[in-house]
C-alpha atoms as a PDB file:
ATOM      1  CA  ASP A   1      -0.204  -0.084   0.014  1.00  0.00           C
ATOM      2  CA  SER A   2       2.973   2.445   0.651  1.00  0.00           C
ATOM      3  CA  GLY A   3       3.893   2.128  -3.078  1.00  0.00           C
ATOM      4  CA  LEU A   4       7.503   1.326  -2.415  1.00  0.00           C
ATOM      5  CA  ARG A   5       9.512  -1.454  -3.950  1.00  0.00           C
ATOM      6  CA  PHE A   6      11.116  -3.592  -1.746  1.00  0.00           C
ATOM      7  CA  HIS A   7      14.255  -5.891  -2.426  1.00  0.00           C
ATOM      8  CA  TYR A   8      14.724  -9.506  -0.822  1.00  0.00           C
ATOM      9  CA  VAL A   9      16.734 -12.347  -1.610  1.00  0.00           C
ATOM     10  CA  ALA A  10      14.759 -15.583  -1.395  1.00  0.00           C
ATOM     11  CA  ALA A  11      16.036 -19.473  -1.136  1.00  0.00           C
ATOM     12  CA  GLY A  12      14.019 -22.719  -0.503  1.00  0.00           C
ATOM     13  CA  GLU A  13      10.683 -23.357  -2.939  1.00  0.00           C
ATOM     14  CA  ARG A  14       7.581 -21.404  -3.095  1.00  0.00           C
ATOM     15  CA  GLY A  15       4.556 -22.852  -1.659  1.00  0.00           C
ATOM     16  CA  LYS A  16       6.605 -24.126   1.980  1.00  0.00           C
ATOM     17  CA  PRO A  17       6.033 -22.180   4.786  1.00  0.00           C
ATOM     18  CA  LEU A  18       7.242 -18.892   4.665  1.00  0.00           C
ATOM     19  CA  MET A  19      10.307 -17.691   7.215  1.00  0.00           C
ATOM     20  CA  LEU A  20      10.995 -14.021   6.882  1.00  0.00           C
ATOM     21  CA  LEU A  21      14.130 -12.275   8.016  1.00  0.00           C
ATOM     22  CA  LEU A  22      14.437  -9.034   9.209  1.00  0.00           C
ATOM     23  CA  HIS A  23      17.866  -7.297   9.775  1.00  0.00           C
ATOM     24  CA  GLY A  24      19.723  -4.670  11.892  1.00  0.00           C
ATOM     25  CA  PHE A  25      21.627  -1.752  11.490  1.00  0.00           C
ATOM     26  CA  PRO A  26      23.897  -1.100   9.802  1.00  0.00           C
ATOM     27  CA  GLU A  27      23.168  -4.218   7.978  1.00  0.00           C
ATOM     28  CA  PHE A  28      20.805  -5.487   4.826  1.00  0.00           C
ATOM     29  CA  TRP A  29      19.631  -8.942   3.883  1.00  0.00           C
ATOM     30  CA  TYR A  30      23.465 -10.026   3.801  1.00  0.00           C
ATOM     31  CA  SER A  31      23.755 -10.593   7.383  1.00  0.00           C
ATOM     32  CA  TRP A  32      20.962 -13.839   7.034  1.00  0.00           C
ATOM     33  CA  ARG A  33      23.231 -15.218   4.472  1.00  0.00           C
ATOM     34  CA  HIS A  34      24.044 -18.255   6.780  1.00  0.00           C
ATOM     35  CA  GLN A  35      20.371 -18.910   7.627  1.00  0.00           C
ATOM     36  CA  LEU A  36      19.091 -18.368   3.855  1.00  0.00           C
ATOM     37  CA  ARG A  37      21.750 -21.620   3.342  1.00  0.00           C
ATOM     38  CA  GLU A  38      20.326 -23.642   6.237  1.00  0.00           C
ATOM     39  CA  PHE A  39      16.587 -23.165   6.254  1.00  0.00           C
ATOM     40  CA  LYS A  40      15.605 -23.131   2.891  1.00  0.00           C
ATOM     41  CA  SER A  41      15.395 -27.222   2.698  1.00  0.00           C
ATOM     42  CA  GLU A  42      12.085 -26.687   4.700  1.00  0.00           C
ATOM     43  CA  TYR A  43      11.197 -23.154   4.074  1.00  0.00           C
ATOM     44  CA  ARG A  44      10.771 -20.325   1.797  1.00  0.00           C
ATOM     45  CA  VAL A  45      13.329 -18.251   3.439  1.00  0.00           C
ATOM     46  CA  VAL A  46      13.315 -14.430   2.358  1.00  0.00           C
ATOM     47  CA  ALA A  47      15.641 -12.082   3.857  1.00  0.00           C
ATOM     48  CA  LEU A  48      14.631  -8.160   3.409  1.00  0.00           C
ATOM     49  CA  ASP A  49      15.987  -5.203   3.121  1.00  0.00           C
ATOM     50  CA  LEU A  50      13.974  -3.074   5.182  1.00  0.00           C
ATOM     51  CA  ARG A  51      12.632   0.400   4.162  1.00  0.00           C
ATOM     52  CA  GLY A  52      15.518   2.831   3.334  1.00  0.00           C
ATOM     53  CA  TYR A  53      18.091  -0.072   3.100  1.00  0.00           C
ATOM     54  CA  GLY A  54      19.876  -1.660   0.398  1.00  0.00           C
ATOM     55  CA  GLU A  55      18.277  -1.934  -2.949  1.00  0.00           C
ATOM     56  CA  THR A  56      14.490  -1.200  -1.351  1.00  0.00           C
ATOM     57  CA  ASP A  57      13.007   2.272  -1.789  1.00  0.00           C
ATOM     58  CA  ALA A  58      14.122   5.027   0.355  1.00  0.00           C
ATOM     59  CA  PRO A  59      11.482   7.704   1.137  1.00  0.00           C
ATOM     60  CA  SER A  60      13.466  10.990   1.998  1.00  0.00           C
ATOM     61  CA  HIS A  61      11.153  12.474   4.594  1.00  0.00           C
ATOM     62  CA  LYS A  62      12.167  11.103   7.976  1.00  0.00           C
ATOM     63  CA  GLU A  63       8.119  10.710   8.868  1.00  0.00           C
ATOM     64  CA  ASN A  64       8.105   7.712   6.511  1.00  0.00           C
ATOM     65  CA  TYR A  65      10.509   5.810   8.782  1.00  0.00           C
ATOM     66  CA  LYS A  66       7.936   5.479  11.713  1.00  0.00           C
ATOM     67  CA  LEU A  67       7.423   2.458  13.513  1.00  0.00           C
ATOM     68  CA  ASP A  68       3.617   2.320  12.268  1.00  0.00           C
ATOM     69  CA  CYS A  69       5.011   2.347   8.615  1.00  0.00           C
ATOM     70  CA  LEU A  70       7.990  -0.405   9.316  1.00  0.00           C
ATOM     71  CA  ILE A  71       5.146  -2.849  11.028  1.00  0.00           C
ATOM     72  CA  THR A  72       2.749  -2.199   8.144  1.00  0.00           C
ATOM     73  CA  ASP A  73       5.645  -2.766   5.517  1.00  0.00           C
ATOM     74  CA  ILE A  74       6.160  -6.628   6.731  1.00  0.00           C
ATOM     75  CA  LYS A  75       2.252  -6.875   6.785  1.00  0.00           C
ATOM     76  CA  ASP A  76       2.147  -5.833   3.483  1.00  0.00           C
ATOM     77  CA  ILE A  77       4.916  -8.000   2.145  1.00  0.00           C
ATOM     78  CA  LEU A  78       3.809 -10.656   3.739  1.00  0.00           C
ATOM     79  CA  GLU A  79       0.561 -10.695   1.841  1.00  0.00           C
ATOM     80  CA  SER A  80       2.271  -9.785  -1.559  1.00  0.00           C
ATOM     81  CA  LEU A  81       4.200 -12.694  -0.906  1.00  0.00           C
ATOM     82  CA  GLY A  82       1.120 -14.803  -1.155  1.00  0.00           C
ATOM     83  CA  TYR A  83       1.230 -15.863   2.560  1.00  0.00           C
ATOM     84  CA  ASN A  84      -1.040 -14.986   5.721  1.00  0.00           C
ATOM     85  CA  LYS A  85       1.322 -15.931   8.454  1.00  0.00           C
ATOM     86  CA  CYS A  86       5.248 -17.160   8.731  1.00  0.00           C
ATOM     87  CA  VAL A  87       8.131 -17.760  11.265  1.00  0.00           C
ATOM     88  CA  LEU A  88       9.221 -13.950  12.108  1.00  0.00           C
ATOM     89  CA  ILE A  89      12.929 -13.755  12.889  1.00  0.00           C
ATOM     90  CA  GLY A  90      14.634 -10.090  13.595  1.00  0.00           C
ATOM     91  CA  HIS A  91      18.034  -9.003  14.669  1.00  0.00           C
ATOM     92  CA  ASP A  92      18.901  -5.714  16.415  1.00  0.00           C
ATOM     93  CA  TRP A  93      16.813  -2.943  15.058  1.00  0.00           C
ATOM     94  CA  GLY A  94      14.893  -5.874  12.701  1.00  0.00           C
ATOM     95  CA  GLY A  95      14.321  -7.365  16.376  1.00  0.00           C
ATOM     96  CA  MET A  96      12.655  -4.375  17.611  1.00  0.00           C
ATOM     97  CA  ILE A  97      10.133  -4.559  14.701  1.00  0.00           C
ATOM     98  CA  ALA A  98       9.321  -8.083  14.816  1.00  0.00           C
ATOM     99  CA  TRP A  99       8.705  -7.852  18.277  1.00  0.00           C
ATOM    100  CA  LEU A 100       6.207  -5.043  17.176  1.00  0.00           C
ATOM    101  CA  VAL A 101       4.728  -7.094  14.213  1.00  0.00           C
ATOM    102  CA  ALA A 102       4.114 -10.026  16.822  1.00  0.00           C
ATOM    103  CA  ILE A 103       2.186  -7.835  19.204  1.00  0.00           C
ATOM    104  CA  CYS A 104      -0.107  -5.898  16.577  1.00  0.00           C
ATOM    105  CA  TYR A 105      -0.637  -8.957  14.025  1.00  0.00           C
ATOM    106  CA  PRO A 106      -0.327 -12.216  16.280  1.00  0.00           C
ATOM    107  CA  GLU A 107      -2.257 -14.144  13.540  1.00  0.00           C
ATOM    108  CA  MET A 108       0.239 -13.217  11.215  1.00  0.00           C
ATOM    109  CA  VAL A 109       3.337 -15.007  13.044  1.00  0.00           C
ATOM    110  CA  THR A 110       3.374 -18.740  14.147  1.00  0.00           C
ATOM    111  CA  LYS A 111       6.571 -18.664  15.768  1.00  0.00           C
ATOM    112  CA  LEU A 112       9.120 -15.638  17.054  1.00  0.00           C
ATOM    113  CA  ILE A 113      12.619 -15.336  17.229  1.00  0.00           C
ATOM    114  CA  VAL A 114      14.543 -12.678  17.844  1.00  0.00           C
ATOM    115  CA  VAL A 115      18.193 -12.132  18.216  1.00  0.00           C
ATOM    116  CA  ASN A 116      19.976  -9.441  20.494  1.00  0.00           C
ATOM    117  CA  PHE A 117      17.128  -7.169  21.305  1.00  0.00           C
ATOM    118  CA  PRO A 118      14.558  -7.178  24.084  1.00  0.00           C
ATOM    119  CA  HIS A 119      10.674  -6.854  24.186  1.00  0.00           C
ATOM    120  CA  PRO A 120      10.543  -3.015  23.400  1.00  0.00           C
ATOM    121  CA  SER A 121       8.518  -2.180  26.736  1.00  0.00           C
ATOM    122  CA  VAL A 122      11.515  -3.536  28.542  1.00  0.00           C
ATOM    123  CA  PHE A 123      13.977  -1.584  26.586  1.00  0.00           C
ATOM    124  CA  THR A 124      12.401   1.718  27.534  1.00  0.00           C
ATOM    125  CA  GLU A 125      11.686   1.077  30.907  1.00  0.00           C
ATOM    126  CA  TYR A 126      15.184  -0.440  31.624  1.00  0.00           C
ATOM    127  CA  ILE A 127      17.039   2.437  29.651  1.00  0.00           C
ATOM    128  CA  LEU A 128      15.271   4.884  31.909  1.00  0.00           C
ATOM    129  CA  ARG A 129      16.513   2.856  35.171  1.00  0.00           C
ATOM    130  CA  HIS A 130      20.018   1.986  34.113  1.00  0.00           C
ATOM    131  CA  PRO A 131      22.492   4.915  33.013  1.00  0.00           C
ATOM    132  CA  SER A 132      24.722   2.131  31.752  1.00  0.00           C
ATOM    133  CA  GLN A 133      22.164   1.038  29.083  1.00  0.00           C
ATOM    134  CA  LEU A 134      21.355   4.843  28.400  1.00  0.00           C
ATOM    135  CA  ILE A 135      24.966   5.412  27.611  1.00  0.00           C
ATOM    136  CA  LYS A 136      25.115   1.777  25.428  1.00  0.00           C
ATOM    137  CA  SER A 137      22.139   3.527  23.725  1.00  0.00           C
ATOM    138  CA  GLY A 138      23.497   6.889  23.231  1.00  0.00           C
ATOM    139  CA  TYR A 139      23.651   6.604  19.162  1.00  0.00           C
ATOM    140  CA  TYR A 140      20.129   6.632  19.547  1.00  0.00           C
ATOM    141  CA  PHE A 141      20.464  10.420  20.540  1.00  0.00           C
ATOM    142  CA  PHE A 142      23.215  11.217  18.271  1.00  0.00           C
ATOM    143  CA  PHE A 143      21.337   9.986  15.168  1.00  0.00           C
ATOM    144  CA  GLN A 144      18.533  12.581  15.866  1.00  0.00           C
ATOM    145  CA  MET A 145      20.656  15.446  14.823  1.00  0.00           C
ATOM    146  CA  PRO A 146      20.105  16.105  10.955  1.00  0.00           C
ATOM    147  CA  TRP A 147      22.839  14.975   8.269  1.00  0.00           C
ATOM    148  CA  PHE A 148      25.893  14.897  10.885  1.00  0.00           C
ATOM    149  CA  PRO A 149      25.513  11.308  11.720  1.00  0.00           C
ATOM    150  CA  GLU A 150      25.782  10.274   7.930  1.00  0.00           C
ATOM    151  CA  PHE A 151      28.617  12.596   7.427  1.00  0.00           C
ATOM    152  CA  MET A 152      30.511  10.625  10.842  1.00  0.00           C
ATOM    153  CA  PHE A 153      29.912   7.376   9.020  1.00  0.00           C
ATOM    154  CA  THR A 154      31.636   8.123   5.575  1.00  0.00           C
ATOM    155  CA  VAL A 155      34.941   9.730   7.332  1.00  0.00           C
ATOM    156  CA  ASN A 156      38.208   7.649   6.879  1.00  0.00           C
ATOM    157  CA  ASP A 157      36.632   5.324   4.181  1.00  0.00           C
ATOM    158  CA  PHE A 158      34.185   4.164   6.647  1.00  0.00           C
ATOM    159  CA  LYS A 159      36.144   3.530   9.240  1.00  0.00           C
ATOM    160  CA  VAL A 160      33.008   3.516  12.165  1.00  0.00           C
ATOM    161  CA  LEU A 161      31.400   0.841   9.581  1.00  0.00           C
ATOM    162  CA  ARG A 162      34.455  -1.608   9.496  1.00  0.00           C
ATOM    163  CA  ASN A 163      34.941  -0.895  13.092  1.00  0.00           C
ATOM    164  CA  LEU A 164      31.572  -1.852  14.241  1.00  0.00           C
ATOM    165  CA  PHE A 165      32.258  -5.500  12.830  1.00  0.00           C
ATOM    166  CA  THR A 166      35.825  -5.945  13.351  1.00  0.00           C
ATOM    167  CA  SER A 167      36.946  -3.979  16.252  1.00  0.00           C
ATOM    168  CA  GLN A 168      38.018  -5.596  19.736  1.00  0.00           C
ATOM    169  CA  ALA A 169      35.227  -2.866  21.542  1.00  0.00           C
ATOM    170  CA  THR A 170      31.933  -3.922  19.167  1.00  0.00           C
ATOM    171  CA  GLY A 171      33.205  -6.586  16.518  1.00  0.00           C
ATOM    172  CA  ILE A 172      33.080 -10.334  16.315  1.00  0.00           C
ATOM    173  CA  GLY A 173      35.300 -11.900  18.844  1.00  0.00           C
ATOM    174  CA  ARG A 174      38.390 -14.031  18.546  1.00  0.00           C
ATOM    175  CA  LYS A 175      35.789 -17.431  18.754  1.00  0.00           C
ATOM    176  CA  GLY A 176      33.373 -16.293  16.263  1.00  0.00           C
ATOM    177  CA  CYS A 177      33.274 -16.215  12.824  1.00  0.00           C
ATOM    178  CA  ARG A 178      34.803 -12.966  11.628  1.00  0.00           C
ATOM    179  CA  LEU A 179      33.563 -11.293   8.421  1.00  0.00           C
ATOM    180  CA  THR A 180      35.776 -11.951   5.448  1.00  0.00           C
ATOM    181  CA  ALA A 181      37.420  -8.999   3.363  1.00  0.00           C
ATOM    182  CA  GLU A 182      34.651 -10.103   0.815  1.00  0.00           C
ATOM    183  CA  ASP A 183      32.042  -9.819   3.801  1.00  0.00           C
ATOM    184  CA  ILE A 184      33.453  -6.292   4.787  1.00  0.00           C
ATOM    185  CA  GLU A 185      33.054  -5.270   1.292  1.00  0.00           C
ATOM    186  CA  ALA A 186      29.636  -5.999   0.860  1.00  0.00           C
ATOM    187  CA  TYR A 187      28.746  -4.017   3.414  1.00  0.00           C
ATOM    188  CA  LEU A 188      30.942  -0.841   2.470  1.00  0.00           C
ATOM    189  CA  TYR A 189      29.223  -1.126  -1.267  1.00  0.00           C
ATOM    190  CA  VAL A 190      25.563  -1.077   0.160  1.00  0.00           C
ATOM    191  CA  PHE A 191      26.412   1.896   2.516  1.00  0.00           C
ATOM    192  CA  SER A 192      28.858   3.850   0.318  1.00  0.00           C
ATOM    193  CA  GLN A 193      26.259   4.679  -2.223  1.00  0.00           C
ATOM    194  CA  PRO A 194      24.565   8.342  -2.486  1.00  0.00           C
ATOM    195  CA  GLY A 195      22.565   8.841   0.097  1.00  0.00           C
ATOM    196  CA  ALA A 196      22.361   5.377   1.653  1.00  0.00           C
ATOM    197  CA  LEU A 197      22.898   5.965   5.217  1.00  0.00           C
ATOM    198  CA  THR A 198      20.031   8.510   5.478  1.00  0.00           C
ATOM    199  CA  GLY A 199      16.982   5.903   5.077  1.00  0.00           C
ATOM    200  CA  PRO A 200      18.453   3.534   8.220  1.00  0.00           C
ATOM    201  CA  ILE A 201      19.179   6.386  10.213  1.00  0.00           C
ATOM    202  CA  ASN A 202      16.052   7.672   9.627  1.00  0.00           C
ATOM    203  CA  HIS A 203      14.401   4.700  11.539  1.00  0.00           C
ATOM    204  CA  TYR A 204      16.044   6.112  14.689  1.00  0.00           C
ATOM    205  CA  ARG A 205      15.084   9.313  14.408  1.00  0.00           C
ATOM    206  CA  ASN A 206      11.326   8.989  15.098  1.00  0.00           C
ATOM    207  CA  ILE A 207      11.898   6.038  17.541  1.00  0.00           C
ATOM    208  CA  PHE A 208      10.818   8.820  20.447  1.00  0.00           C
ATOM    209  CA  SER A 209       7.634   9.382  18.846  1.00  0.00           C
ATOM    210  CA  CYS A 210       6.442   5.974  19.073  1.00  0.00           C
ATOM    211  CA  LEU A 211       7.292   4.357  22.710  1.00  0.00           C
ATOM    212  CA  PRO A 212       6.405   3.481  25.021  1.00  0.00           C
ATOM    213  CA  LEU A 213       3.695   1.077  23.914  1.00  0.00           C
ATOM    214  CA  GLN A 214      -0.069   0.330  24.189  1.00  0.00           C
ATOM    215  CA  HIS A 215      -0.229  -2.879  24.150  1.00  0.00           C
ATOM    216  CA  HIS A 216       2.714  -5.345  25.289  1.00  0.00           C
ATOM    217  CA  GLU A 217       1.737  -9.086  25.044  1.00  0.00           C
ATOM    218  CA  VAL A 218       3.457 -11.508  23.009  1.00  0.00           C
ATOM    219  CA  VAL A 219       0.904 -14.924  22.597  1.00  0.00           C
ATOM    220  CA  MET A 220       2.984 -17.091  20.077  1.00  0.00           C
ATOM    221  CA  PRO A 221       6.217 -19.311  21.182  1.00  0.00           C
ATOM    222  CA  THR A 222       8.657 -17.097  21.168  1.00  0.00           C
ATOM    223  CA  LEU A 223      12.464 -17.980  21.062  1.00  0.00           C
ATOM    224  CA  LEU A 224      15.221 -14.864  22.199  1.00  0.00           C
ATOM    225  CA  LEU A 225      19.079 -15.474  21.003  1.00  0.00           C
ATOM    226  CA  TRP A 226      21.499 -13.138  22.819  1.00  0.00           C
ATOM    227  CA  GLY A 227      25.303 -12.793  22.319  1.00  0.00           C
ATOM    228  CA  GLU A 228      26.432 -12.085  26.111  1.00  0.00           C
ATOM    229  CA  GLY A 229      29.265  -9.962  24.611  1.00  0.00           C
ATOM    230  CA  ASP A 230      26.962  -7.535  23.276  1.00  0.00           C
ATOM    231  CA  ALA A 231      28.375  -3.999  23.326  1.00  0.00           C
ATOM    232  CA  PHE A 232      25.101  -1.897  22.976  1.00  0.00           C
ATOM    233  CA  MET A 233      22.458  -4.265  25.150  1.00  0.00           C
ATOM    234  CA  GLU A 234      22.771  -5.492  28.505  1.00  0.00           C
ATOM    235  CA  VAL A 235      22.334  -8.943  28.723  1.00  0.00           C
ATOM    236  CA  GLU A 236      19.878  -8.196  31.825  1.00  0.00           C
ATOM    237  CA  MET A 237      16.829  -7.138  29.449  1.00  0.00           C
ATOM    238  CA  ALA A 238      16.794 -10.669  28.095  1.00  0.00           C
ATOM    239  CA  GLU A 239      15.563 -12.251  31.045  1.00  0.00           C
ATOM    240  CA  ILE A 240      13.117  -9.862  31.956  1.00  0.00           C
ATOM    241  CA  THR A 241      11.558 -10.150  28.335  1.00  0.00           C
ATOM    242  CA  ARG A 242      10.210 -13.483  29.936  1.00  0.00           C
ATOM    243  CA  ILE A 243       7.107 -11.500  31.742  1.00  0.00           C
ATOM    244  CA  TYR A 244       5.686 -10.204  28.332  1.00  0.00           C
ATOM    245  CA  VAL A 245       5.809 -13.738  26.642  1.00  0.00           C
ATOM    246  CA  LYS A 246       2.452 -15.349  27.139  1.00  0.00           C
ATOM    247  CA  ASN A 247       3.327 -18.529  25.746  1.00  0.00           C
ATOM    248  CA  HIS A 248       6.680 -20.826  25.605  1.00  0.00           C
ATOM    249  CA  PHE A 249       9.505 -18.838  26.004  1.00  0.00           C
ATOM    250  CA  ARG A 250      12.853 -20.038  25.336  1.00  0.00           C
ATOM    251  CA  LEU A 251      15.993 -17.864  26.299  1.00  0.00           C
ATOM    252  CA  THR A 252      19.703 -19.235  25.247  1.00  0.00           C
ATOM    253  CA  ILE A 253      22.570 -16.728  26.286  1.00  0.00           C
ATOM    254  CA  LEU A 254      25.533 -17.394  24.101  1.00  0.00           C
ATOM    255  CA  SER A 255      28.514 -16.437  26.422  1.00  0.00           C
ATOM    256  CA  GLU A 256      31.263 -15.450  24.301  1.00  0.00           C
ATOM    257  CA  ALA A 257      29.549 -14.103  21.339  1.00  0.00           C
ATOM    258  CA  SER A 258      29.235 -10.483  20.026  1.00  0.00           C
ATOM    259  CA  HIS A 259      25.800  -8.477  18.967  1.00  0.00           C
ATOM    260  CA  TRP A 260      26.130  -9.779  15.297  1.00  0.00           C
ATOM    261  CA  LEU A 261      25.215 -13.017  16.693  1.00  0.00           C
ATOM    262  CA  GLN A 262      23.754 -14.963  13.573  1.00  0.00           C
ATOM    263  CA  GLN A 263      26.756 -14.007  11.586  1.00  0.00           C
ATOM    264  CA  ASP A 264      29.075 -14.685  14.922  1.00  0.00           C
ATOM    265  CA  GLN A 265      27.949 -18.139  15.714  1.00  0.00           C
ATOM    266  CA  PRO A 266      26.085 -19.599  12.515  1.00  0.00           C
ATOM    267  CA  ASP A 267      26.404 -23.087  13.524  1.00  0.00           C
ATOM    268  CA  ILE A 268      25.251 -22.771  16.921  1.00  0.00           C
ATOM    269  CA  VAL A 269      22.215 -20.121  15.979  1.00  0.00           C
ATOM    270  CA  ASN A 270      21.153 -22.614  13.544  1.00  0.00           C
ATOM    271  CA  LYS A 271      21.182 -25.529  15.591  1.00  0.00           C
ATOM    272  CA  LEU A 272      19.115 -23.487  18.393  1.00  0.00           C
ATOM    273  CA  ILE A 273      16.378 -22.190  15.589  1.00  0.00           C
ATOM    274  CA  TRP A 274      15.924 -25.849  14.463  1.00  0.00           C
ATOM    275  CA  THR A 275      15.587 -27.050  18.078  1.00  0.00           C
ATOM    276  CA  PHE A 276      13.105 -24.475  18.787  1.00  0.00           C
ATOM    277  CA  LEU A 277      10.950 -24.857  15.593  1.00  0.00           C
ATOM    278  CA  LYS A 278      10.990 -28.577  15.735  1.00  0.00           C
ATOM    279  CA  GLU A 279       9.977 -28.377  19.465  1.00  0.00           C
ATOM    280  CA  GLU A 280       7.175 -26.754  19.252  1.00  0.00           C
ATOM    281  CA  THR A 281       5.514 -28.556  16.603  1.00  0.00           C
ATOM    282  CA  THR A 282       6.183 -32.132  18.194  1.00  0.00           C
ATOM    283  CA  ARG A 283       4.285 -30.561  21.497  1.00  0.00           C
ATOM    284  CA  LYS A 284       1.539 -29.440  19.435  1.00  0.00           C
ATOM    285  CA  ARG A 285       1.014 -32.988  18.023  1.00  0.00           C
ATOM    286  CA  GLU A 286       1.053 -34.228  21.825  1.00  0.00           C
END
């Protein structure tokens, strides 16, 4: 309905159950490359470029990036792909959107899997009470400024972007699957296109107009995966999330993993997702 064109990468046959993957910031569909390969045997796996990212259309006005628009995007995409429900997986900001889709359109989500992002109500309540998380989320406030955040990302041949994935403080650690030179190039290529950073940062420029939420409850089986070495999100929020899920809730914290969990520990993440998906179906049959 928005009139926007969305870019996605798909694996697995049409007609199989849909698994929809929502990436975080600053990423694009490519962050799910390991999951596209892994789950195509039993699912139609679709990794999206969110509104404003990659090859998806990027409206110029920041008002076009309100959470309401982002949630409706997912509903519209599901329908235009010919489905009325899916397994929904989101990481980071894509995790925020996944939580909200599950809350607003519960009939569309059979199972919810979120990577390194707490329930949005937990996030807003926790950040107000814990200055340490407020500091870690300082970039949310920095991103409210016009044009300057985009400029900062481009300085010194996109050094900030490289460092996010590779530095000791925020990147994938020694025990993870580090990004290859080709992986880094893919990210740099996408975000070095003219205007390519404005859409992604506009997602954050609307956050304070949409939170806190009116509705909170999540009613479908939910898996929350968390890399304990996340430089941006305190792990305490993961456990508190349990109170908002009114169904089977499983939390797995990976001790030496980073914020970039599905790229950092793809084999373990894939195994945990399989276990969760199978476990729920057997439980229902019983």
